[in-house]
Every structure is written in structure tokens, then in C-alpha cells.
């Protein structure tokens, strides 16, 4: 498997993990979304909105969208889980399309990231994607830990990268309209 194929699979793993996590949070009373918890962003709302905001920043960078720092600064957090889940789903689908385009082009283009204050950081798309996937996993792990202190069972979030885990994600794959062959190849 090459790195571009890995990014395509990782983007889908991201979508699956977010779906599972949002479903688990959805089993809680509505007020639990904003309830104070132990964590870097001390609520499920704060943590999940942070993932969404940072996803937007890096996707803007990867797609060369002007004003990315200003767009990040203007981010409006989702007030409800339903709103957050819909926005995150759109972001996840944007990430999958981006990874598919990069894989089809066979490229690893340079990416300019406006860090504000006149600072622009330059990296390759592959490195930016690797960082983004690590960031998502890191903060989903924090949300997962927050769920441990609730009546909702934290979901399994790491059953996607290996083809041999197919039976563990079959229901998710059907729900998302995906097939193992389409994701992993023949």
C-alpha cells in the first residue's frame, strides 16, 4: 500500500470513527454535550468543535483557500450535537474527496499554511494529512475518555485501517454505503 492509498483509507477511518463517536454522544441527555468534563477542551462540545475547526483549517490549507487563518478565527462552534454531527460529516466527506483527488493525481503538492501574523508555514500535503489524522485521533481519544465518565458506552474507534477487521465494521460500512472492495481494492 502506498501513502496516497493509506490517506484515502485513513480519511474513511476518520469518517467511521466520528460517526461512531457522535452516535455514542447522542445516547446521552442533550445537556451532557456541554457538561464540564476533564480534558484539554473541558466538554464534549468543546472537544468535538475543536476537531471540526482544525479540520476546516487544514482542509482550507490543502485546497489552497485564501483567508484560511481568518476563516479559522471566525469559526462558530456548533451548539448542538445534531448540528456538529452534520457539519463534521460534511467536513469528513470533503477530506475523503481531497484524498481521492490527491491519490488520482499521484501527487504530494506543497501546502502553504497561513499561521496569522504574516507567518506562512510550508509542508507537503502528505505531511499535513498525517498531522491532521493524528490530531483527529488524539482529540477523539479525549472525547472517548470523557464518555467513560457517563452512562454511554464509549465506542470502538480503531477498527478500520486493517482489511482483516472487516467483520467488526460491517454494519458501519453498510450504513455509510461503502464496500470493502471500494475502500481496499479487489
C-alpha atoms as a PDB file:
ATOM      1  CA  UNK A   1       0.000   0.000   0.000  1.00  0.00           C
ATOM      2  CA  UNK A   2       1.355   3.417  -0.864  1.00  0.00           C
ATOM      3  CA  UNK A   3       0.971   6.560   1.211  1.00  0.00           C
ATOM      4  CA  UNK A   4      -1.748   8.040  -1.000  1.00  0.00           C
ATOM      5  CA  UNK A   5      -3.855   4.894  -0.651  1.00  0.00           C
ATOM      6  CA  UNK A   6      -3.256   4.996   3.108  1.00  0.00           C
ATOM      7  CA  UNK A   7      -4.558   8.579   3.241  1.00  0.00           C
ATOM      8  CA  UNK A   8      -7.720   7.542   1.383  1.00  0.00           C
ATOM      9  CA  UNK A   9      -8.300   4.745   3.894  1.00  0.00           C
ATOM     10  CA  UNK A  10      -7.430   6.995   6.856  1.00  0.00           C
ATOM     11  CA  UNK A  11      -9.937   9.601   5.662  1.00  0.00           C
ATOM     12  CA  UNK A  12     -12.631   6.927   5.673  1.00  0.00           C
ATOM     13  CA  UNK A  13     -11.468   5.680   9.076  1.00  0.00           C
ATOM     14  CA  UNK A  14     -11.910   9.237  10.286  1.00  0.00           C
ATOM     15  CA  UNK A  15     -15.490   9.321   8.971  1.00  0.00           C
ATOM     16  CA  UNK A  16     -16.319   5.975  10.546  1.00  0.00           C
ATOM     17  CA  UNK A  17     -14.806   6.932  13.926  1.00  0.00           C
ATOM     18  CA  UNK A  18     -16.614  10.270  14.001  1.00  0.00           C
ATOM     19  CA  UNK A  19     -19.887   8.538  13.148  1.00  0.00           C
ATOM     20  CA  UNK A  20     -19.423   6.036  15.984  1.00  0.00           C
ATOM     21  CA  UNK A  21     -18.399   8.735  18.442  1.00  0.00           C
ATOM     22  CA  UNK A  22     -21.334  11.008  17.575  1.00  0.00           C
ATOM     23  CA  UNK A  23     -23.759   8.095  17.938  1.00  0.00           C
ATOM     24  CA  UNK A  24     -22.390   7.353  21.414  1.00  0.00           C
ATOM     25  CA  UNK A  25     -22.638  11.000  22.474  1.00  0.00           C
ATOM     26  CA  UNK A  26     -26.167  11.040  21.055  1.00  0.00           C
ATOM     27  CA  UNK A  27     -27.210   8.418  23.608  1.00  0.00           C
ATOM     28  CA  UNK A  28     -26.612  10.966  26.375  1.00  0.00           C
ATOM     29  CA  UNK A  29     -29.090  13.607  27.529  1.00  0.00           C
ATOM     30  CA  UNK A  30     -28.766  16.791  25.426  1.00  0.00           C
ATOM     31  CA  UNK A  31     -27.223  18.804  28.276  1.00  0.00           C
ATOM     32  CA  UNK A  32     -24.371  16.282  28.539  1.00  0.00           C
ATOM     33  CA  UNK A  33     -22.937  17.685  25.285  1.00  0.00           C
ATOM     34  CA  UNK A  34     -21.936  20.894  27.132  1.00  0.00           C
ATOM     35  CA  UNK A  35     -21.399  19.445  30.625  1.00  0.00           C
ATOM     36  CA  UNK A  36     -17.989  20.156  32.177  1.00  0.00           C
ATOM     37  CA  UNK A  37     -15.570  17.248  31.922  1.00  0.00           C
ATOM     38  CA  UNK A  38     -11.892  16.600  32.438  1.00  0.00           C
ATOM     39  CA  UNK A  39      -9.949  17.277  29.264  1.00  0.00           C
ATOM     40  CA  UNK A  40      -7.938  19.795  27.298  1.00  0.00           C
ATOM     41  CA  UNK A  41     -11.208  21.238  25.968  1.00  0.00           C
ATOM     42  CA  UNK A  42     -13.300  20.522  29.078  1.00  0.00           C
ATOM     43  CA  UNK A  43     -16.538  19.327  27.461  1.00  0.00           C
ATOM     44  CA  UNK A  44     -17.622  17.027  24.687  1.00  0.00           C
ATOM     45  CA  UNK A  45     -18.862  20.097  22.830  1.00  0.00           C
ATOM     46  CA  UNK A  46     -15.534  21.891  23.181  1.00  0.00           C
ATOM     47  CA  UNK A  47     -13.500  18.871  22.132  1.00  0.00           C
ATOM     48  CA  UNK A  48     -15.654  17.897  19.143  1.00  0.00           C
ATOM     49  CA  UNK A  49     -15.930  21.502  17.950  1.00  0.00           C
ATOM     50  CA  UNK A  50     -12.135  21.791  18.176  1.00  0.00           C
ATOM     51  CA  UNK A  51     -11.778  18.769  15.878  1.00  0.00           C
ATOM     52  CA  UNK A  52     -14.211  20.359  13.418  1.00  0.00           C
ATOM     53  CA  UNK A  53     -12.478  23.757  13.480  1.00  0.00           C
ATOM     54  CA  UNK A  54      -8.992  22.312  12.954  1.00  0.00           C
ATOM     55  CA  UNK A  55     -10.237  20.007  10.195  1.00  0.00           C
ATOM     56  CA  UNK A  56     -11.551  23.098   8.400  1.00  0.00           C
ATOM     57  CA  UNK A  57      -8.244  24.921   8.795  1.00  0.00           C
ATOM     58  CA  UNK A  58      -6.156  22.102   7.326  1.00  0.00           C
ATOM     59  CA  UNK A  59      -8.652  21.353   4.564  1.00  0.00           C
ATOM     60  CA  UNK A  60      -8.566  25.027   3.578  1.00  0.00           C
ATOM     61  CA  UNK A  61      -4.760  24.822   3.500  1.00  0.00           C
ATOM     62  CA  UNK A  62      -4.744  21.634   1.470  1.00  0.00           C
ATOM     63  CA  UNK A  63      -7.208  23.127  -1.020  1.00  0.00           C
ATOM     64  CA  UNK A  64      -5.377  26.483  -1.188  1.00  0.00           C
ATOM     65  CA  UNK A  65      -8.360  28.527   0.032  1.00  0.00           C
ATOM     66  CA  UNK A  66      -7.485  32.167   0.636  1.00  0.00           C
ATOM     67  CA  UNK A  67      -8.199  33.633   4.050  1.00  0.00           C
ATOM     68  CA  UNK A  68      -7.800  30.340   5.872  1.00  0.00           C
ATOM     69  CA  UNK A  69      -6.472  31.930   9.088  1.00  0.00           C
ATOM     70  CA  UNK A  70      -9.357  34.385   9.141  1.00  0.00           C
ATOM     71  CA  UNK A  71     -11.842  31.586   8.470  1.00  0.00           C
ATOM     72  CA  UNK A  72     -10.373  29.607  11.371  1.00  0.00           C
ATOM     73  CA  UNK A  73     -10.571  32.636  13.669  1.00  0.00           C
ATOM     74  CA  UNK A  74     -14.217  33.174  12.644  1.00  0.00           C
ATOM     75  CA  UNK A  75     -15.201  29.555  13.390  1.00  0.00           C
ATOM     76  CA  UNK A  76     -18.588  29.356  15.124  1.00  0.00           C
ATOM     77  CA  UNK A  77     -18.920  26.275  17.336  1.00  0.00           C
ATOM     78  CA  UNK A  78     -21.924  24.035  16.801  1.00  0.00           C
ATOM     79  CA  UNK A  79     -24.406  24.474  19.624  1.00  0.00           C
ATOM     80  CA  UNK A  80     -25.932  21.002  19.427  1.00  0.00           C
ATOM     81  CA  UNK A  81     -24.688  17.539  18.698  1.00  0.00           C
ATOM     82  CA  UNK A  82     -27.003  17.293  15.681  1.00  0.00           C
ATOM     83  CA  UNK A  83     -25.506  20.450  14.169  1.00  0.00           C
ATOM     84  CA  UNK A  84     -21.962  19.329  14.962  1.00  0.00           C
ATOM     85  CA  UNK A  85     -22.513  15.852  13.503  1.00  0.00           C
ATOM     86  CA  UNK A  86     -23.893  17.303  10.256  1.00  0.00           C
ATOM     87  CA  UNK A  87     -21.030  19.770   9.903  1.00  0.00           C
ATOM     88  CA  UNK A  88     -18.431  17.118  10.775  1.00  0.00           C
ATOM     89  CA  UNK A  89     -19.950  14.712   8.241  1.00  0.00           C
ATOM     90  CA  UNK A  90     -19.597  17.393   5.540  1.00  0.00           C
ATOM     91  CA  UNK A  91     -16.004  18.027   6.617  1.00  0.00           C
ATOM     92  CA  UNK A  92     -15.217  14.301   6.629  1.00  0.00           C
ATOM     93  CA  UNK A  93     -16.657  13.916   3.135  1.00  0.00           C
ATOM     94  CA  UNK A  94     -14.599  16.901   1.974  1.00  0.00           C
ATOM     95  CA  UNK A  95     -11.484  15.200   3.369  1.00  0.00           C
ATOM     96  CA  UNK A  96     -12.302  11.938   1.596  1.00  0.00           C
ATOM     97  CA  UNK A  97     -12.779  13.752  -1.724  1.00  0.00           C
ATOM     98  CA  UNK A  98      -9.488  15.606  -1.230  1.00  0.00           C
ATOM     99  CA  UNK A  99      -7.582  12.391  -0.509  1.00  0.00           C
ATOM    100  CA  UNK A 100      -9.195  10.712  -3.514  1.00  0.00           C
ATOM    101  CA  UNK A 101      -8.155  13.635  -5.763  1.00  0.00           C
ATOM    102  CA  UNK A 102      -4.569  13.520  -4.470  1.00  0.00           C
ATOM    103  CA  UNK A 103      -4.408   9.750  -4.991  1.00  0.00           C
ATOM    104  CA  UNK A 104      -5.830  10.038  -8.530  1.00  0.00           C
ATOM    105  CA  UNK A 105      -3.256  12.714  -9.371  1.00  0.00           C
ATOM    106  CA  UNK A 106      -0.474  10.699  -7.738  1.00  0.00           C
ATOM    107  CA  UNK A 107       0.856  13.822  -6.149  1.00  0.00           C
ATOM    108  CA  UNK A 108       2.123  15.284  -2.920  1.00  0.00           C
ATOM    109  CA  UNK A 109       1.859  19.007  -3.630  1.00  0.00           C
ATOM    110  CA  UNK A 110       3.299  21.742  -1.441  1.00  0.00           C
ATOM    111  CA  UNK A 111       0.885  23.332   1.023  1.00  0.00           C
ATOM    112  CA  UNK A 112       1.092  26.873   2.392  1.00  0.00           C
ATOM    113  CA  UNK A 113      -0.483  27.314   5.828  1.00  0.00           C
ATOM    114  CA  UNK A 114      -1.218  30.852   6.938  1.00  0.00           C
ATOM    115  CA  UNK A 115      -0.492  30.878  10.669  1.00  0.00           C
ATOM    116  CA  UNK A 116      -1.550  34.512  11.046  1.00  0.00           C
ATOM    117  CA  UNK A 117       0.607  37.492  11.816  1.00  0.00           C
ATOM    118  CA  UNK A 118       2.380  37.212   8.475  1.00  0.00           C
ATOM    119  CA  UNK A 119       3.713  33.707   9.173  1.00  0.00           C
ATOM    120  CA  UNK A 120       3.213  31.111   6.460  1.00  0.00           C
ATOM    121  CA  UNK A 121       4.322  27.550   7.094  1.00  0.00           C
ATOM    122  CA  UNK A 122       5.161  25.288   4.124  1.00  0.00           C
ATOM    123  CA  UNK A 123       4.882  21.500   4.095  1.00  0.00           C
ATOM    124  CA  UNK A 124       3.954  18.713   1.686  1.00  0.00           C
ATOM    125  CA  UNK A 125       0.331  17.527   1.524  1.00  0.00           C
ATOM    126  CA  UNK A 126       1.295  14.074   2.807  1.00  0.00           C
ATOM    127  CA  UNK A 127       2.810  15.537   5.958  1.00  0.00           C
ATOM    128  CA  UNK A 128      -0.169  17.835   6.514  1.00  0.00           C
ATOM    129  CA  UNK A 129      -2.563  14.904   6.135  1.00  0.00           C
ATOM    130  CA  UNK A 130      -0.519  12.734   8.505  1.00  0.00           C
ATOM    131  CA  UNK A 131      -0.638  15.550  11.066  1.00  0.00           C
ATOM    132  CA  UNK A 132      -4.373  16.052  10.566  1.00  0.00           C
ATOM    133  CA  UNK A 133      -5.122  12.353  11.073  1.00  0.00           C
ATOM    134  CA  UNK A 134      -3.014  12.304  14.247  1.00  0.00           C
ATOM    135  CA  UNK A 135      -4.770  15.438  15.532  1.00  0.00           C
ATOM    136  CA  UNK A 136      -8.196  13.913  14.919  1.00  0.00           C
ATOM    137  CA  UNK A 137      -7.241  10.656  16.647  1.00  0.00           C
ATOM    138  CA  UNK A 138      -5.713  12.489  19.606  1.00  0.00           C
ATOM    139  CA  UNK A 139      -8.817  14.558  20.327  1.00  0.00           C
ATOM    140  CA  UNK A 140     -11.293  11.765  19.589  1.00  0.00           C
ATOM    141  CA  UNK A 141      -9.379   9.828  22.228  1.00  0.00           C
ATOM    142  CA  UNK A 142     -10.021  12.634  24.684  1.00  0.00           C
ATOM    143  CA  UNK A 143     -13.749  12.604  23.853  1.00  0.00           C
ATOM    144  CA  UNK A 144     -13.692   8.821  24.226  1.00  0.00           C
ATOM    145  CA  UNK A 145     -12.193   9.196  27.714  1.00  0.00           C
ATOM    146  CA  UNK A 146     -14.859  11.779  28.593  1.00  0.00           C
ATOM    147  CA  UNK A 147     -17.537   9.238  27.649  1.00  0.00           C
ATOM    148  CA  UNK A 148     -16.048   6.809  30.183  1.00  0.00           C
ATOM    149  CA  UNK A 149     -17.488   9.057  32.909  1.00  0.00           C
ATOM    150  CA  UNK A 150     -21.022   8.843  31.501  1.00  0.00           C
ATOM    151  CA  UNK A 151     -23.733   6.237  31.094  1.00  0.00           C
ATOM    152  CA  UNK A 152     -22.904   5.951  27.376  1.00  0.00           C
ATOM    153  CA  UNK A 153     -20.553   3.156  26.391  1.00  0.00           C
ATOM    154  CA  UNK A 154     -17.529   4.582  24.577  1.00  0.00           C
ATOM    155  CA  UNK A 155     -17.373   3.108  21.063  1.00  0.00           C
ATOM    156  CA  UNK A 156     -14.557   1.165  19.481  1.00  0.00           C
ATOM    157  CA  UNK A 157     -12.768   3.671  17.243  1.00  0.00           C
ATOM    158  CA  UNK A 158      -9.894   1.751  15.698  1.00  0.00           C
ATOM    159  CA  UNK A 159     -11.389  -0.963  13.522  1.00  0.00           C
ATOM    160  CA  UNK A 160     -10.834   0.475  10.114  1.00  0.00           C
ATOM    161  CA  UNK A 161      -7.254   0.520   8.877  1.00  0.00           C
ATOM    162  CA  UNK A 162      -6.776  -3.242   8.558  1.00  0.00           C
ATOM    163  CA  UNK A 163      -8.734  -5.241   5.979  1.00  0.00           C
ATOM    164  CA  UNK A 164      -8.884  -8.170   8.433  1.00  0.00           C
ATOM    165  CA  UNK A 165     -11.114  -6.097  10.740  1.00  0.00           C
ATOM    166  CA  UNK A 166     -13.898  -6.141   8.120  1.00  0.00           C
ATOM    167  CA  UNK A 167     -16.372  -8.125  10.248  1.00  0.00           C
ATOM    168  CA  UNK A 168     -16.062  -5.554  13.044  1.00  0.00           C
ATOM    169  CA  UNK A 169     -17.156  -2.678  10.825  1.00  0.00           C
ATOM    170  CA  UNK A 170     -19.633  -4.395   8.502  1.00  0.00           C
ATOM    171  CA  UNK A 171     -22.674  -2.565   9.902  1.00  0.00           C
ATOM    172  CA  UNK A 172     -20.903   0.796   9.657  1.00  0.00           C
ATOM    173  CA  UNK A 173     -19.827   0.098   6.090  1.00  0.00           C
ATOM    174  CA  UNK A 174     -23.408  -0.734   5.099  1.00  0.00           C
ATOM    175  CA  UNK A 175     -24.749   2.367   6.869  1.00  0.00           C
ATOM    176  CA  UNK A 176     -22.223   4.572   5.073  1.00  0.00           C
ATOM    177  CA  UNK A 177     -22.915   2.920   1.704  1.00  0.00           C
ATOM    178  CA  UNK A 178     -19.330   1.694   1.346  1.00  0.00           C
ATOM    179  CA  UNK A 179     -17.923  -1.656   0.295  1.00  0.00           C
ATOM    180  CA  UNK A 180     -14.712  -3.325   1.339  1.00  0.00           C
ATOM    181  CA  UNK A 181     -13.737  -3.679  -2.329  1.00  0.00           C
ATOM    182  CA  UNK A 182     -14.217   0.033  -2.990  1.00  0.00           C
ATOM    183  CA  UNK A 183     -12.124   1.059   0.029  1.00  0.00           C
ATOM    184  CA  UNK A 184      -9.419  -1.616  -0.045  1.00  0.00           C
ATOM    185  CA  UNK A 185      -9.463  -2.681  -3.673  1.00  0.00           C
ATOM    186  CA  UNK A 186     -10.069  -6.122  -5.107  1.00  0.00           C
END
